[in-house]
Structure formats: C-alpha cells, structure tokens
Amino acid sequence: MVEFVLVAPLVILVGMAVLQLVLLMHARSTLTRAAAEGARAGALAGADAGAAAARARAIAVQTLGGVTLTAVRAEAETLDGLPVMTLAIDATVPLIGPFGTTAIEVEGHALLEVPR
C-alpha cells in the first residue's frame, strides 16, 4: 500500500507528460499539413492569398478543436529564384495541467502556377 502511494504520483505524472507530448506533436503535424495544403490552394493559377488562408484555416479548424489560430498569413514571394506561395500559421495549443498554453509556428510553401 505504501509503495503504491509513493509510486502512483510519479507514474501519473510521466503518463500525463507523454500524453501531452503526443497531443502537441499531433497538433504540429496537422498544422503543418494545413499550411502546405493552404499554400497549394493559393498557388493555383487564378487563386490568391485569401484562398490560401481560407483553405488552411478550414483544415485546421475542422481537424483540431482545441487549438486557437492566432494568425494565418499567406503571400506570394520569391524563394531561391522561384515564385512560391508561402503560408504561415501561428497557433496556441492548450496544455494539460498548470502549464497554460504553448505557441506553435509552422510554414508551408508551394510553387506558383504561371498561366500561359
């Protein structure tokens, strides 16, 4: 009985830490996918930065309920001499326990289609 009382809090703490790490990595992976998909949507011929941001926001909101998007920025720029659509997402993810929230920043790039 005494051993359980001494060991149980440590096991629970380690379990919560592992769970939090898994949730954080899932949120980062999903936001990275949303940024890449948004950049691809904005890189299509005739699309604009607004379409890219709207697509990324829709994916992130649909798949991640507890994540708060603080900013979604899309712009056409030149990267290594090539025209690309760059989409950046800033978000906050809630943490388990007394730790508050943590910020995540991800970017996605897609080569712009050039109409002929």
PDB file of N, CA and C in Angstrom:
ATOM      1  N   MET A   1       0.820  -1.183   0.000  1.00  0.00           N
ATOM      2  CA  MET A   1       0.000   0.000   0.000  1.00  0.00           C
ATOM      3  C   MET A   1       0.880   1.270   0.000  1.00  0.00           C
ATOM      4  N   VAL A   2       1.892   1.273   0.831  1.00  0.00           N
ATOM      5  CA  VAL A   2       2.761   2.447   0.930  1.00  0.00           C
ATOM      6  C   VAL A   2       3.523   2.662  -0.380  1.00  0.00           C
ATOM      7  N   GLU A   3       3.978   1.571  -0.997  1.00  0.00           N
ATOM      8  CA  GLU A   3       4.705   1.695  -2.254  1.00  0.00           C
ATOM      9  C   GLU A   3       3.814   2.303  -3.340  1.00  0.00           C
ATOM     10  N   PHE A   4       2.543   1.905  -3.366  1.00  0.00           N
ATOM     11  CA  PHE A   4       1.618   2.446  -4.354  1.00  0.00           C
ATOM     12  C   PHE A   4       1.445   3.948  -4.160  1.00  0.00           C
ATOM     13  N   VAL A   5       1.295   4.385  -2.937  1.00  0.00           N
ATOM     14  CA  VAL A   5       1.117   5.808  -2.644  1.00  0.00           C
ATOM     15  C   VAL A   5       2.362   6.604  -3.060  1.00  0.00           C
ATOM     16  N   LEU A   6       3.526   6.012  -2.925  1.00  0.00           N
ATOM     17  CA  LEU A   6       4.758   6.704  -3.292  1.00  0.00           C
ATOM     18  C   LEU A   6       4.999   6.712  -4.801  1.00  0.00           C
ATOM     19  N   VAL A   7       4.638   5.638  -5.482  1.00  0.00           N
ATOM     20  CA  VAL A   7       4.954   5.497  -6.902  1.00  0.00           C
ATOM     21  C   VAL A   7       3.846   6.036  -7.808  1.00  0.00           C
ATOM     22  N   ALA A   8       2.598   5.948  -7.406  1.00  0.00           N
ATOM     23  CA  ALA A   8       1.473   6.344  -8.255  1.00  0.00           C
ATOM     24  C   ALA A   8       1.575   7.786  -8.773  1.00  0.00           C
ATOM     25  N   PRO A   9       1.902   8.772  -7.953  1.00  0.00           N
ATOM     26  CA  PRO A   9       2.004  10.140  -8.498  1.00  0.00           C
ATOM     27  C   PRO A   9       3.066  10.275  -9.592  1.00  0.00           C
ATOM     28  N   LEU A  10       4.173   9.573  -9.444  1.00  0.00           N
ATOM     29  CA  LEU A  10       5.217   9.636 -10.471  1.00  0.00           C
ATOM     30  C   LEU A  10       4.754   8.992 -11.771  1.00  0.00           C
ATOM     31  N   VAL A  11       4.072   7.857 -11.669  1.00  0.00           N
ATOM     32  CA  VAL A  11       3.572   7.181 -12.864  1.00  0.00           C
ATOM     33  C   VAL A  11       2.520   8.049 -13.560  1.00  0.00           C
ATOM     34  N   ILE A  12       1.647   8.673 -12.804  1.00  0.00           N
ATOM     35  CA  ILE A  12       0.633   9.551 -13.376  1.00  0.00           C
ATOM     36  C   ILE A  12       1.288  10.757 -14.041  1.00  0.00           C
ATOM     37  N   LEU A  13       2.286  11.340 -13.416  1.00  0.00           N
ATOM     38  CA  LEU A  13       2.996  12.489 -13.981  1.00  0.00           C
ATOM     39  C   LEU A  13       3.680  12.135 -15.297  1.00  0.00           C
ATOM     40  N   VAL A  14       4.356  11.005 -15.336  1.00  0.00           N
ATOM     41  CA  VAL A  14       5.019  10.576 -16.566  1.00  0.00           C
ATOM     42  C   VAL A  14       3.984  10.277 -17.646  1.00  0.00           C
ATOM     43  N   GLY A  15       2.884   9.641 -17.284  1.00  0.00           N
ATOM     44  CA  GLY A  15       1.825   9.360 -18.247  1.00  0.00           C
ATOM     45  C   GLY A  15       1.233  10.628 -18.828  1.00  0.00           C
ATOM     46  N   MET A  16       0.992  11.642 -17.992  1.00  0.00           N
ATOM     47  CA  MET A  16       0.454  12.913 -18.483  1.00  0.00           C
ATOM     48  C   MET A  16       1.451  13.631 -19.383  1.00  0.00           C
ATOM     49  N   ALA A  17       2.740  13.544 -19.051  1.00  0.00           N
ATOM     50  CA  ALA A  17       3.764  14.175 -19.883  1.00  0.00           C
ATOM     51  C   ALA A  17       3.824  13.524 -21.264  1.00  0.00           C
ATOM     52  N   VAL A  18       3.748  12.215 -21.309  1.00  0.00           N
ATOM     53  CA  VAL A  18       3.758  11.504 -22.589  1.00  0.00           C
ATOM     54  C   VAL A  18       2.511  11.858 -23.390  1.00  0.00           C
ATOM     55  N   LEU A  19       1.357  11.891 -22.744  1.00  0.00           N
ATOM     56  CA  LEU A  19       0.114  12.257 -23.416  1.00  0.00           C
ATOM     57  C   LEU A  19       0.189  13.675 -23.984  1.00  0.00           C
ATOM     58  N   GLN A  20       0.740  14.593 -23.221  1.00  0.00           N
ATOM     59  CA  GLN A  20       0.865  15.969 -23.697  1.00  0.00           C
ATOM     60  C   GLN A  20       1.794  16.058 -24.890  1.00  0.00           C
ATOM     61  N   LEU A  21       2.892  15.329 -24.859  1.00  0.00           N
ATOM     62  CA  LEU A  21       3.829  15.330 -25.979  1.00  0.00           C
ATOM     63  C   LEU A  21       3.164  14.789 -27.242  1.00  0.00           C
ATOM     64  N   VAL A  22       2.379  13.729 -27.094  1.00  0.00           N
ATOM     65  CA  VAL A  22       1.675  13.159 -28.245  1.00  0.00           C
ATOM     66  C   VAL A  22       0.663  14.161 -28.811  1.00  0.00           C
ATOM     67  N   LEU A  23      -0.093  14.823 -27.942  1.00  0.00           N
ATOM     68  CA  LEU A  23      -1.060  15.810 -28.408  1.00  0.00           C
ATOM     69  C   LEU A  23      -0.381  16.989 -29.100  1.00  0.00           C
ATOM     70  N   LEU A  24       0.729  17.439 -28.564  1.00  0.00           N
ATOM     71  CA  LEU A  24       1.467  18.550 -29.160  1.00  0.00           C
ATOM     72  C   LEU A  24       2.028  18.177 -30.529  1.00  0.00           C
ATOM     73  N   MET A  25       2.575  16.982 -30.658  1.00  0.00           N
ATOM     74  CA  MET A  25       3.116  16.542 -31.940  1.00  0.00           C
ATOM     75  C   MET A  25       1.997  16.346 -32.971  1.00  0.00           C
ATOM     76  N   HIS A  26       0.838  15.866 -32.538  1.00  0.00           N
ATOM     77  CA  HIS A  26      -0.304  15.727 -33.444  1.00  0.00           C
ATOM     78  C   HIS A  26      -0.756  17.105 -33.943  1.00  0.00           C
ATOM     79  N   ALA A  27      -0.846  18.073 -33.045  1.00  0.00           N
ATOM     80  CA  ALA A  27      -1.265  19.426 -33.429  1.00  0.00           C
ATOM     81  C   ALA A  27      -0.261  20.034 -34.402  1.00  0.00           C
ATOM     82  N   ARG A  28       1.025  19.873 -34.153  1.00  0.00           N
ATOM     83  CA  ARG A  28       2.050  20.428 -35.039  1.00  0.00           C
ATOM     84  C   ARG A  28       1.994  19.771 -36.417  1.00  0.00           C
ATOM     85  N   SER A  29       1.832  18.468 -36.447  1.00  0.00           N
ATOM     86  CA  SER A  29       1.755  17.753 -37.717  1.00  0.00           C
ATOM     87  C   SER A  29       0.529  18.183 -38.518  1.00  0.00           C
ATOM     88  N   THR A  30      -0.603  18.316 -37.848  1.00  0.00           N
ATOM     89  CA  THR A  30      -1.828  18.719 -38.531  1.00  0.00           C
ATOM     90  C   THR A  30      -1.733  20.153 -39.037  1.00  0.00           C
ATOM     91  N   LEU A  31      -1.143  21.047 -38.243  1.00  0.00           N
ATOM     92  CA  LEU A  31      -0.977  22.433 -38.685  1.00  0.00           C
ATOM     93  C   LEU A  31      -0.001  22.537 -39.857  1.00  0.00           C
ATOM     94  N   THR A  32       1.033  21.716 -39.860  1.00  0.00           N
ATOM     95  CA  THR A  32       1.976  21.695 -40.978  1.00  0.00           C
ATOM     96  C   THR A  32       1.266  21.234 -42.252  1.00  0.00           C
ATOM     97  N   ARG A  33       0.427  20.212 -42.128  1.00  0.00           N
ATOM     98  CA  ARG A  33      -0.344  19.724 -43.269  1.00  0.00           C
ATOM     99  C   ARG A  33      -1.310  20.796 -43.760  1.00  0.00           C
ATOM    100  N   ALA A  34      -1.956  21.504 -42.829  1.00  0.00           N
ATOM    101  CA  ALA A  34      -2.891  22.569 -43.205  1.00  0.00           C
ATOM    102  C   ALA A  34      -2.162  23.710 -43.919  1.00  0.00           C
ATOM    103  N   ALA A  35      -0.965  24.050 -43.456  1.00  0.00           N
ATOM    104  CA  ALA A  35      -0.193  25.115 -44.094  1.00  0.00           C
ATOM    105  C   ALA A  35       0.227  24.711 -45.503  1.00  0.00           C
ATOM    106  N   ALA A  36       0.669  23.477 -45.680  1.00  0.00           N
ATOM    107  CA  ALA A  36       1.073  23.010 -47.005  1.00  0.00           C
ATOM    108  C   ALA A  36      -0.126  22.955 -47.952  1.00  0.00           C
ATOM    109  N   GLU A  37      -1.252  22.458 -47.470  1.00  0.00           N
ATOM    110  CA  GLU A  37      -2.453  22.380 -48.299  1.00  0.00           C
ATOM    111  C   GLU A  37      -2.972  23.776 -48.646  1.00  0.00           C
ATOM    112  N   GLY A  38      -2.927  24.702 -47.706  1.00  0.00           N
ATOM    113  CA  GLY A  38      -3.328  26.076 -47.977  1.00  0.00           C
ATOM    114  C   GLY A  38      -2.419  26.734 -49.001  1.00  0.00           C
ATOM    115  N   ALA A  39      -1.124  26.493 -48.890  1.00  0.00           N
ATOM    116  CA  ALA A  39      -0.183  27.058 -49.868  1.00  0.00           C
ATOM    117  C   ALA A  39      -0.456  26.485 -51.254  1.00  0.00           C
ATOM    118  N   ARG A  40      -0.760  25.196 -51.331  1.00  0.00           N
ATOM    119  CA  ARG A  40      -1.090  24.603 -52.633  1.00  0.00           C
ATOM    120  C   ARG A  40      -2.360  25.216 -53.212  1.00  0.00           C
ATOM    121  N   ALA A  41      -3.357  25.466 -52.368  1.00  0.00           N
ATOM    122  CA  ALA A  41      -4.605  26.070 -52.840  1.00  0.00           C
ATOM    123  C   ALA A  41      -4.365  27.494 -53.344  1.00  0.00           C
ATOM    124  N   GLY A  42      -3.484  28.225 -52.687  1.00  0.00           N
ATOM    125  CA  GLY A  42      -3.188  29.588 -53.112  1.00  0.00           C
ATOM    126  C   GLY A  42      -2.249  29.674 -54.294  1.00  0.00           C
ATOM    127  N   ALA A  43      -1.548  28.576 -54.599  1.00  0.00           N
ATOM    128  CA  ALA A  43      -0.586  28.579 -55.704  1.00  0.00           C
ATOM    129  C   ALA A  43      -1.237  28.258 -57.030  1.00  0.00           C
ATOM    130  N   LEU A  44      -2.497  27.854 -57.037  1.00  0.00           N
ATOM    131  CA  LEU A  44      -3.175  27.538 -58.287  1.00  0.00           C
ATOM    132  C   LEU A  44      -3.331  28.795 -59.136  1.00  0.00           C
ATOM    133  N   ALA A  45      -3.324  28.626 -60.441  1.00  0.00           N
ATOM    134  CA  ALA A  45      -3.492  29.759 -61.347  1.00  0.00           C
ATOM    135  C   ALA A  45      -4.849  30.408 -61.098  1.00  0.00           C
ATOM    136  N   GLY A  46      -4.859  31.703 -60.896  1.00  0.00           N
ATOM    137  CA  GLY A  46      -6.097  32.438 -60.655  1.00  0.00           C
ATOM    138  C   GLY A  46      -6.478  32.538 -59.186  1.00  0.00           C
ATOM    139  N   ALA A  47      -5.806  31.822 -58.305  1.00  0.00           N
ATOM    140  CA  ALA A  47      -6.099  31.897 -56.870  1.00  0.00           C
ATOM    141  C   ALA A  47      -5.306  33.046 -56.259  1.00  0.00           C
ATOM    142  N   ASP A  48      -5.668  33.412 -55.049  1.00  0.00           N
ATOM    143  CA  ASP A  48      -4.949  34.489 -54.374  1.00  0.00           C
ATOM    144  C   ASP A  48      -4.604  34.067 -52.952  1.00  0.00           C
ATOM    145  N   ALA A  49      -3.966  34.967 -52.228  1.00  0.00           N
ATOM    146  CA  ALA A  49      -3.550  34.678 -50.857  1.00  0.00           C
ATOM    147  C   ALA A  49      -4.744  34.444 -49.941  1.00  0.00           C
ATOM    148  N   GLY A  50      -5.857  35.081 -50.229  1.00  0.00           N
ATOM    149  CA  GLY A  50      -7.062  34.880 -49.417  1.00  0.00           C
ATOM    150  C   GLY A  50      -7.573  33.450 -49.507  1.00  0.00           C
ATOM    151  N   ALA A  51      -7.501  32.848 -50.691  1.00  0.00           N
ATOM    152  CA  ALA A  51      -7.916  31.459 -50.865  1.00  0.00           C
ATOM    153  C   ALA A  51      -6.998  30.525 -50.086  1.00  0.00           C
ATOM    154  N   ALA A  52      -5.712  30.837 -50.075  1.00  0.00           N
ATOM    155  CA  ALA A  52      -4.753  30.015 -49.334  1.00  0.00           C
ATOM    156  C   ALA A  52      -5.039  30.061 -47.840  1.00  0.00           C
ATOM    157  N   ALA A  53      -5.241  31.253 -47.322  1.00  0.00           N
ATOM    158  CA  ALA A  53      -5.508  31.397 -45.884  1.00  0.00           C
ATOM    159  C   ALA A  53      -6.829  30.742 -45.500  1.00  0.00           C
ATOM    160  N   ALA A  54      -7.850  30.891 -46.339  1.00  0.00           N
ATOM    161  CA  ALA A  54      -9.151  30.302 -46.040  1.00  0.00           C
ATOM    162  C   ALA A  54      -9.071  28.779 -46.015  1.00  0.00           C
ATOM    163  N   ARG A  55      -8.347  28.177 -46.964  1.00  0.00           N
ATOM    164  CA  ARG A  55      -8.205  26.720 -47.006  1.00  0.00           C
ATOM    165  C   ARG A  55      -7.448  26.209 -45.789  1.00  0.00           C
ATOM    166  N   ALA A  56      -6.359  26.863 -45.421  1.00  0.00           N
ATOM    167  CA  ALA A  56      -5.583  26.435 -44.260  1.00  0.00           C
ATOM    168  C   ALA A  56      -6.394  26.571 -42.975  1.00  0.00           C
ATOM    169  N   ARG A  57      -7.117  27.664 -42.834  1.00  0.00           N
ATOM    170  CA  ARG A  57      -7.952  27.876 -41.646  1.00  0.00           C
ATOM    171  C   ARG A  57      -9.044  26.815 -41.554  1.00  0.00           C
ATOM    172  N   ALA A  58      -9.663  26.477 -42.687  1.00  0.00           N
ATOM    173  CA  ALA A  58     -10.730  25.469 -42.692  1.00  0.00           C
ATOM    174  C   ALA A  58     -10.206  24.100 -42.260  1.00  0.00           C
ATOM    175  N   ILE A  59      -9.050  23.703 -42.769  1.00  0.00           N
ATOM    176  CA  ILE A  59      -8.481  22.412 -42.398  1.00  0.00           C
ATOM    177  C   ILE A  59      -8.117  22.382 -40.925  1.00  0.00           C
ATOM    178  N   ALA A  60      -7.467  23.430 -40.443  1.00  0.00           N
ATOM    179  CA  ALA A  60      -7.037  23.466 -39.047  1.00  0.00           C
ATOM    180  C   ALA A  60      -8.226  23.446 -38.090  1.00  0.00           C
ATOM    181  N   VAL A  61      -9.255  24.220 -38.380  1.00  0.00           N
ATOM    182  CA  VAL A  61     -10.425  24.281 -37.503  1.00  0.00           C
ATOM    183  C   VAL A  61     -11.193  22.962 -37.536  1.00  0.00           C
ATOM    184  N   GLN A  62     -11.273  22.345 -38.712  1.00  0.00           N
ATOM    185  CA  GLN A  62     -12.020  21.102 -38.857  1.00  0.00           C
ATOM    186  C   GLN A  62     -11.349  19.946 -38.116  1.00  0.00           C
ATOM    187  N   THR A  63     -10.029  19.897 -38.109  1.00  0.00           N
ATOM    188  CA  THR A  63      -9.338  18.749 -37.524  1.00  0.00           C
ATOM    189  C   THR A  63      -8.872  18.965 -36.091  1.00  0.00           C
ATOM    190  N   LEU A  64      -8.642  20.213 -35.685  1.00  0.00           N
ATOM    191  CA  LEU A  64      -8.145  20.485 -34.337  1.00  0.00           C
ATOM    192  C   LEU A  64      -9.125  21.391 -33.600  1.00  0.00           C
ATOM    193  N   GLY A  65      -9.889  20.828 -32.690  1.00  0.00           N
ATOM    194  CA  GLY A  65     -10.883  21.623 -31.981  1.00  0.00           C
ATOM    195  C   GLY A  65     -10.306  22.534 -30.917  1.00  0.00           C
ATOM    196  N   GLY A  66      -9.331  22.080 -30.138  1.00  0.00           N
ATOM    197  CA  GLY A  66      -8.830  22.856 -29.017  1.00  0.00           C
ATOM    198  C   GLY A  66      -7.725  23.840 -29.349  1.00  0.00           C
ATOM    199  N   VAL A  67      -7.311  23.875 -30.598  1.00  0.00           N
ATOM    200  CA  VAL A  67      -6.219  24.761 -30.998  1.00  0.00           C
ATOM    201  C   VAL A  67      -6.794  26.103 -31.426  1.00  0.00           C
ATOM    202  N   THR A  68      -6.184  27.186 -30.946  1.00  0.00           N
ATOM    203  CA  THR A  68      -6.611  28.532 -31.310  1.00  0.00           C
ATOM    204  C   THR A  68      -5.630  29.101 -32.326  1.00  0.00           C
ATOM    205  N   LEU A  69      -6.127  29.430 -33.511  1.00  0.00           N
ATOM    206  CA  LEU A  69      -5.280  30.042 -34.530  1.00  0.00           C
ATOM    207  C   LEU A  69      -5.143  31.523 -34.218  1.00  0.00           C
ATOM    208  N   THR A  70      -3.925  31.978 -33.996  1.00  0.00           N
ATOM    209  CA  THR A  70      -3.716  33.390 -33.697  1.00  0.00           C
ATOM    210  C   THR A  70      -3.468  34.200 -34.964  1.00  0.00           C
ATOM    211  N   ALA A  71      -2.871  33.572 -35.987  1.00  0.00           N
ATOM    212  CA  ALA A  71      -2.624  34.269 -37.251  1.00  0.00           C
ATOM    213  C   ALA A  71      -2.449  33.264 -38.373  1.00  0.00           C
ATOM    214  N   VAL A  72      -2.997  33.596 -39.530  1.00  0.00           N
ATOM    215  CA  VAL A  72      -2.781  32.832 -40.766  1.00  0.00           C
ATOM    216  C   VAL A  72      -2.394  33.851 -41.821  1.00  0.00           C
ATOM    217  N   ARG A  73      -1.128  33.786 -42.284  1.00  0.00           N
ATOM    218  CA  ARG A  73      -0.619  34.760 -43.245  1.00  0.00           C
ATOM    219  C   ARG A  73      -0.203  34.039 -44.525  1.00  0.00           C
ATOM    220  N   ALA A  74      -0.648  34.569 -45.653  1.00  0.00           N
ATOM    221  CA  ALA A  74      -0.271  34.000 -46.949  1.00  0.00           C
ATOM    222  C   ALA A  74       0.212  35.124 -47.849  1.00  0.00           C
ATOM    223  N   GLU A  75       1.291  34.853 -48.574  1.00  0.00           N
ATOM    224  CA  GLU A  75       1.805  35.848 -49.517  1.00  0.00           C
ATOM    225  C   GLU A  75       2.622  35.159 -50.602  1.00  0.00           C
ATOM    226  N   ALA A  76       2.574  35.746 -51.781  1.00  0.00           N
ATOM    227  CA  ALA A  76       3.404  35.270 -52.883  1.00  0.00           C
ATOM    228  C   ALA A  76       4.768  35.928 -52.752  1.00  0.00           C
ATOM    229  N   GLU A  77       5.805  35.129 -52.874  1.00  0.00           N
ATOM    230  CA  GLU A  77       7.166  35.653 -52.760  1.00  0.00           C
ATOM    231  C   GLU A  77       8.103  34.835 -53.635  1.00  0.00           C
ATOM    232  N   THR A  78       9.352  35.243 -53.685  1.00  0.00           N
ATOM    233  CA  THR A  78      10.360  34.524 -54.448  1.00  0.00           C
ATOM    234  C   THR A  78      11.293  33.822 -53.475  1.00  0.00           C
ATOM    235  N   LEU A  79      11.454  32.521 -53.690  1.00  0.00           N
ATOM    236  CA  LEU A  79      12.313  31.715 -52.825  1.00  0.00           C
ATOM    237  C   LEU A  79      13.309  30.981 -53.725  1.00  0.00           C
ATOM    238  N   ASP A  80      14.582  31.262 -53.581  1.00  0.00           N
ATOM    239  CA  ASP A  80      15.631  30.682 -54.425  1.00  0.00           C
ATOM    240  C   ASP A  80      15.381  30.919 -55.911  1.00  0.00           C
ATOM    241  N   GLY A  81      14.851  32.101 -56.235  1.00  0.00           N
ATOM    242  CA  GLY A  81      14.619  32.472 -57.621  1.00  0.00           C
ATOM    243  C   GLY A  81      13.325  31.935 -58.214  1.00  0.00           C
ATOM    244  N   LEU A  82      12.519  31.233 -57.417  1.00  0.00           N
ATOM    245  CA  LEU A  82      11.268  30.678 -57.919  1.00  0.00           C
ATOM    246  C   LEU A  82      10.080  31.357 -57.245  1.00  0.00           C
ATOM    247  N   PRO A  83       9.000  31.592 -57.998  1.00  0.00           N
ATOM    248  CA  PRO A  83       7.808  32.191 -57.374  1.00  0.00           C
ATOM    249  C   PRO A  83       7.055  31.135 -56.556  1.00  0.00           C
ATOM    250  N   VAL A  84       6.854  31.403 -55.290  1.00  0.00           N
ATOM    251  CA  VAL A  84       6.159  30.454 -54.410  1.00  0.00           C
ATOM    252  C   VAL A  84       5.084  31.174 -53.606  1.00  0.00           C
ATOM    253  N   MET A  85       4.112  30.407 -53.164  1.00  0.00           N
ATOM    254  CA  MET A  85       3.115  30.879 -52.202  1.00  0.00           C
ATOM    255  C   MET A  85       3.582  30.379 -50.843  1.00  0.00           C
ATOM    256  N   THR A  86       3.763  31.301 -49.921  1.00  0.00           N
ATOM    257  CA  THR A  86       4.176  30.949 -48.563  1.00  0.00           C
ATOM    258  C   THR A  86       3.006  31.202 -47.634  1.00  0.00           C
ATOM    259  N   LEU A  87       2.693  30.203 -46.808  1.00  0.00           N
ATOM    260  CA  LEU A  87       1.610  30.334 -45.850  1.00  0.00           C
ATOM    261  C   LEU A  87       2.162  30.017 -44.461  1.00  0.00           C
ATOM    262  N   ALA A  88       1.963  30.923 -43.517  1.00  0.00           N
ATOM    263  CA  ALA A  88       2.436  30.732 -42.148  1.00  0.00           C
ATOM    264  C   ALA A  88       1.237  30.697 -41.212  1.00  0.00           C
ATOM    265  N   ILE A  89       1.266  29.772 -40.262  1.00  0.00           N
ATOM    266  CA  ILE A  89       0.206  29.639 -39.264  1.00  0.00           C
ATOM    267  C   ILE A  89       0.828  29.779 -37.885  1.00  0.00           C
ATOM    268  N   ASP A  90       0.263  30.655 -37.085  1.00  0.00           N
ATOM    269  CA  ASP A  90       0.617  30.768 -35.669  1.00  0.00           C
ATOM    270  C   ASP A  90      -0.591  30.294 -34.873  1.00  0.00           C
ATOM    271  N   ALA A  91      -0.360  29.412 -33.909  1.00  0.00           N
ATOM    272  CA  ALA A  91      -1.462  28.856 -33.128  1.00  0.00           C
ATOM    273  C   ALA A  91      -1.019  28.628 -31.694  1.00  0.00           C
ATOM    274  N   THR A  92      -1.985  28.524 -30.804  1.00  0.00           N
ATOM    275  CA  THR A  92      -1.709  28.159 -29.416  1.00  0.00           C
ATOM    276  C   THR A  92      -2.419  26.854 -29.107  1.00  0.00           C
ATOM    277  N   VAL A  93      -1.724  25.975 -28.409  1.00  0.00           N
ATOM    278  CA  VAL A  93      -2.248  24.664 -28.050  1.00  0.00           C
ATOM    279  C   VAL A  93      -2.360  24.597 -26.538  1.00  0.00           C
ATOM    280  N   PRO A  94      -3.533  24.198 -26.013  1.00  0.00           N
ATOM    281  CA  PRO A  94      -3.662  24.086 -24.557  1.00  0.00           C
ATOM    282  C   PRO A  94      -2.863  22.896 -24.033  1.00  0.00           C
ATOM    283  N   LEU A  95      -2.279  23.083 -22.874  1.00  0.00           N
ATOM    284  CA  LEU A  95      -1.521  22.021 -22.234  1.00  0.00           C
ATOM    285  C   LEU A  95      -2.315  21.433 -21.078  1.00  0.00           C
ATOM    286  N   ILE A  96      -1.981  20.196 -20.737  1.00  0.00           N
ATOM    287  CA  ILE A  96      -2.609  19.545 -19.597  1.00  0.00           C
ATOM    288  C   ILE A  96      -1.943  20.059 -18.322  1.00  0.00           C
ATOM    289  N   GLY A  97      -2.720  20.316 -17.328  1.00  0.00           N
ATOM    290  CA  GLY A  97      -2.160  20.712 -16.043  1.00  0.00           C
ATOM    291  C   GLY A  97      -1.977  22.211 -15.918  1.00  0.00           C
ATOM    292  N   PRO A  98      -1.101  22.629 -15.036  1.00  0.00           N
ATOM    293  CA  PRO A  98      -0.950  24.055 -14.724  1.00  0.00           C
ATOM    294  C   PRO A  98      -0.009  24.805 -15.651  1.00  0.00           C
ATOM    295  N   PHE A  99       0.247  24.294 -16.827  1.00  0.00           N
ATOM    296  CA  PHE A  99       1.260  24.882 -17.687  1.00  0.00           C
ATOM    297  C   PHE A  99       0.729  25.926 -18.653  1.00  0.00           C
ATOM    298  N   GLY A 100      -0.581  26.096 -18.774  1.00  0.00           N
ATOM    299  CA  GLY A 100      -1.139  27.112 -19.666  1.00  0.00           C
ATOM    300  C   GLY A 100      -1.188  26.646 -21.097  1.00  0.00           C
ATOM    301  N   THR A 101      -0.669  27.462 -22.022  1.00  0.00           N
ATOM    302  CA  THR A 101      -0.675  27.118 -23.443  1.00  0.00           C
ATOM    303  C   THR A 101       0.735  27.246 -24.001  1.00  0.00           C
ATOM    304  N   THR A 102       0.917  26.672 -25.161  1.00  0.00           N
ATOM    305  CA  THR A 102       2.192  26.802 -25.850  1.00  0.00           C
ATOM    306  C   THR A 102       1.937  27.244 -27.287  1.00  0.00           C
ATOM    307  N   ALA A 103       2.851  28.003 -27.841  1.00  0.00           N
ATOM    308  CA  ALA A 103       2.699  28.537 -29.202  1.00  0.00           C
ATOM    309  C   ALA A 103       3.387  27.631 -30.212  1.00  0.00           C
ATOM    310  N   ILE A 104       2.753  27.498 -31.371  1.00  0.00           N
ATOM    311  CA  ILE A 104       3.313  26.723 -32.478  1.00  0.00           C
ATOM    312  C   ILE A 104       3.311  27.624 -33.711  1.00  0.00           C
ATOM    313  N   GLU A 105       4.422  27.619 -34.445  1.00  0.00           N
ATOM    314  CA  GLU A 105       4.529  28.363 -35.696  1.00  0.00           C
ATOM    315  C   GLU A 105       4.973  27.389 -36.780  1.00  0.00           C
ATOM    316  N   VAL A 106       4.200  27.316 -37.876  1.00  0.00           N
ATOM    317  CA  VAL A 106       4.551  26.432 -38.987  1.00  0.00           C
ATOM    318  C   VAL A 106       4.426  27.209 -40.292  1.00  0.00           C
ATOM    319  N   GLU A 107       5.122  26.717 -41.340  1.00  0.00           N
ATOM    320  CA  GLU A 107       5.060  27.330 -42.662  1.00  0.00           C
ATOM    321  C   GLU A 107       4.860  26.254 -43.711  1.00  0.00           C
ATOM    322  N   GLY A 108       4.207  26.641 -44.798  1.00  0.00           N
ATOM    323  CA  GLY A 108       4.049  25.775 -45.956  1.00  0.00           C
ATOM    324  C   GLY A 108       4.384  26.563 -47.201  1.00  0.00           C
ATOM    325  N   HIS A 109       4.967  25.895 -48.192  1.00  0.00           N
ATOM    326  CA  HIS A 109       5.348  26.545 -49.453  1.00  0.00           C
ATOM    327  C   HIS A 109       4.827  25.715 -50.620  1.00  0.00           C
ATOM    328  N   ALA A 110       4.454  26.397 -51.686  1.00  0.00           N
ATOM    329  CA  ALA A 110       4.046  25.723 -52.924  1.00  0.00           C
ATOM    330  C   ALA A 110       4.459  26.593 -54.098  1.00  0.00           C
ATOM    331  N   LEU A 111       4.936  25.939 -55.154  1.00  0.00           N
ATOM    332  CA  LEU A 111       5.360  26.635 -56.356  1.00  0.00           C
ATOM    333  C   LEU A 111       4.143  27.217 -57.073  1.00  0.00           C
ATOM    334  N   LEU A 112       4.200  28.507 -57.404  1.00  0.00           N
ATOM    335  CA  LEU A 112       3.079  29.169 -58.060  1.00  0.00           C
ATOM    336  C   LEU A 112       2.916  28.696 -59.498  1.00  0.00           C
ATOM    337  N   GLU A 113       1.665  28.441 -59.882  1.00  0.00           N
ATOM    338  CA  GLU A 113       1.369  28.133 -61.271  1.00  0.00           C
ATOM    339  C   GLU A 113       1.366  29.430 -62.061  1.00  0.00           C
ATOM    340  N   VAL A 114       1.988  29.403 -63.217  1.00  0.00           N
ATOM    341  CA  VAL A 114       2.044  30.579 -64.070  1.00  0.00           C
ATOM    342  C   VAL A 114       1.158  30.320 -65.276  1.00  0.00           C
ATOM    343  N   PRO A 115       0.084  31.128 -65.462  1.00  0.00           N
ATOM    344  CA  PRO A 115      -0.774  30.917 -66.624  1.00  0.00           C
ATOM    345  C   PRO A 115      -0.030  31.231 -67.927  1.00  0.00           C
ATOM    346  N   ARG A 116      -0.332  30.475 -68.957  1.00  0.00           N
ATOM    347  CA  ARG A 116       0.348  30.691 -70.254  1.00  0.00           C
ATOM    348  C   ARG A 116      -0.435  31.614 -71.119  1.00  0.00           C
TER     349      ARG A 116
END
